[in-house]
Amino acid sequence: MAQDRFEIHPAKGGGYFWHLQAANNEIVCSSQVYKTKEACTKGAFWVQTNAGSATVYDFTGEPEASRR
């Protein structure tokens, strides 16, 4: 069974970035480019550990989108 995963990739021009790929293979989140692989890996682990408790703020001025 497929599952969500963080993938670390080399960036064009140097450095590294990660993206979060859902079980259906859709990329749902991507990072900035980090200078080192270590910093990139730490960033992915930070998101994995902390994102679930983050608050969503909507500054669009549009009606709130429903959750799925």
Protein backbone atom coordinates (compact mmCIF):
# COMPACT_ATOMS: atom_id res chain seq x y z
CA MET A 1 0.00 0.00 0.00
CA ALA A 2 1.34 3.42 -0.95
CA GLN A 3 1.80 6.07 1.71
CA ASP A 4 2.68 9.74 2.02
CA ARG A 5 6.39 10.50 1.95
CA PHE A 6 8.98 13.27 2.00
CA GLU A 7 11.43 13.13 -0.88
CA ILE A 8 14.74 15.00 -0.98
CA HIS A 9 16.06 16.04 -4.41
CA PRO A 10 19.05 17.99 -5.75
CA ALA A 11 18.10 21.46 -6.98
CA LYS A 12 19.14 22.84 -10.34
CA GLY A 13 21.99 25.24 -9.71
CA GLY A 14 23.00 23.52 -6.47
CA GLY A 15 21.50 22.78 -3.11
CA TYR A 16 18.60 20.54 -2.14
CA PHE A 17 14.84 20.74 -1.71
CA TRP A 18 12.16 18.43 -0.38
CA HIS A 19 8.60 17.82 -1.36
CA LEU A 20 5.80 15.97 0.35
CA GLN A 21 4.23 13.44 -1.96
CA ALA A 22 0.80 12.02 -1.10
CA ALA A 23 -0.05 8.35 -1.45
CA ASN A 24 -1.74 9.15 -4.79
CA ASN A 25 1.63 10.55 -6.03
CA GLU A 26 0.44 14.16 -5.95
CA ILE A 27 3.00 16.65 -4.65
CA VAL A 28 1.17 18.56 -1.93
CA CYS A 29 3.98 20.68 -0.49
CA SER A 30 7.49 21.77 -1.50
CA SER A 31 10.31 23.51 0.29
CA GLN A 32 12.72 26.29 -0.44
CA VAL A 33 16.18 25.37 -1.73
CA TYR A 34 18.62 24.61 1.09
CA LYS A 35 22.38 24.95 0.70
CA THR A 36 23.14 21.62 2.34
CA LYS A 37 21.49 18.21 2.35
CA GLU A 38 21.64 18.20 6.16
CA ALA A 39 19.65 21.46 6.39
CA CYS A 40 17.13 20.14 3.87
CA THR A 41 16.66 16.91 5.82
CA LYS A 42 16.24 18.82 9.08
CA GLY A 43 13.61 21.02 7.43
CA ALA A 44 11.63 18.02 6.24
CA PHE A 45 11.76 16.40 9.69
CA TRP A 46 10.68 19.68 11.31
CA VAL A 47 7.59 19.87 9.09
CA GLN A 48 6.84 16.18 9.69
CA THR A 49 6.99 16.72 13.46
CA ASN A 50 5.31 20.12 13.81
CA ALA A 51 2.92 20.80 10.93
CA GLY A 52 0.00 18.90 12.43
CA SER A 53 -0.33 21.45 15.22
CA ALA A 54 0.07 24.55 13.02
CA THR A 55 -2.83 26.98 12.74
CA VAL A 56 -4.13 27.96 9.30
CA TYR A 57 -4.63 31.71 8.79
CA ASP A 58 -6.59 32.93 5.77
CA PHE A 59 -5.67 36.44 4.60
CA THR A 60 -7.46 36.24 1.24
CA GLY A 61 -10.62 38.03 2.31
CA GLU A 62 -12.61 35.32 0.56
CA PRO A 63 -15.11 32.92 2.20
CA GLU A 64 -13.41 30.12 4.08
CA ALA A 65 -12.79 27.00 2.04
CA SER A 66 -14.24 23.81 3.43
CA ARG A 67 -12.04 20.96 4.58
CA ARG A 68 -12.23 17.66 2.82
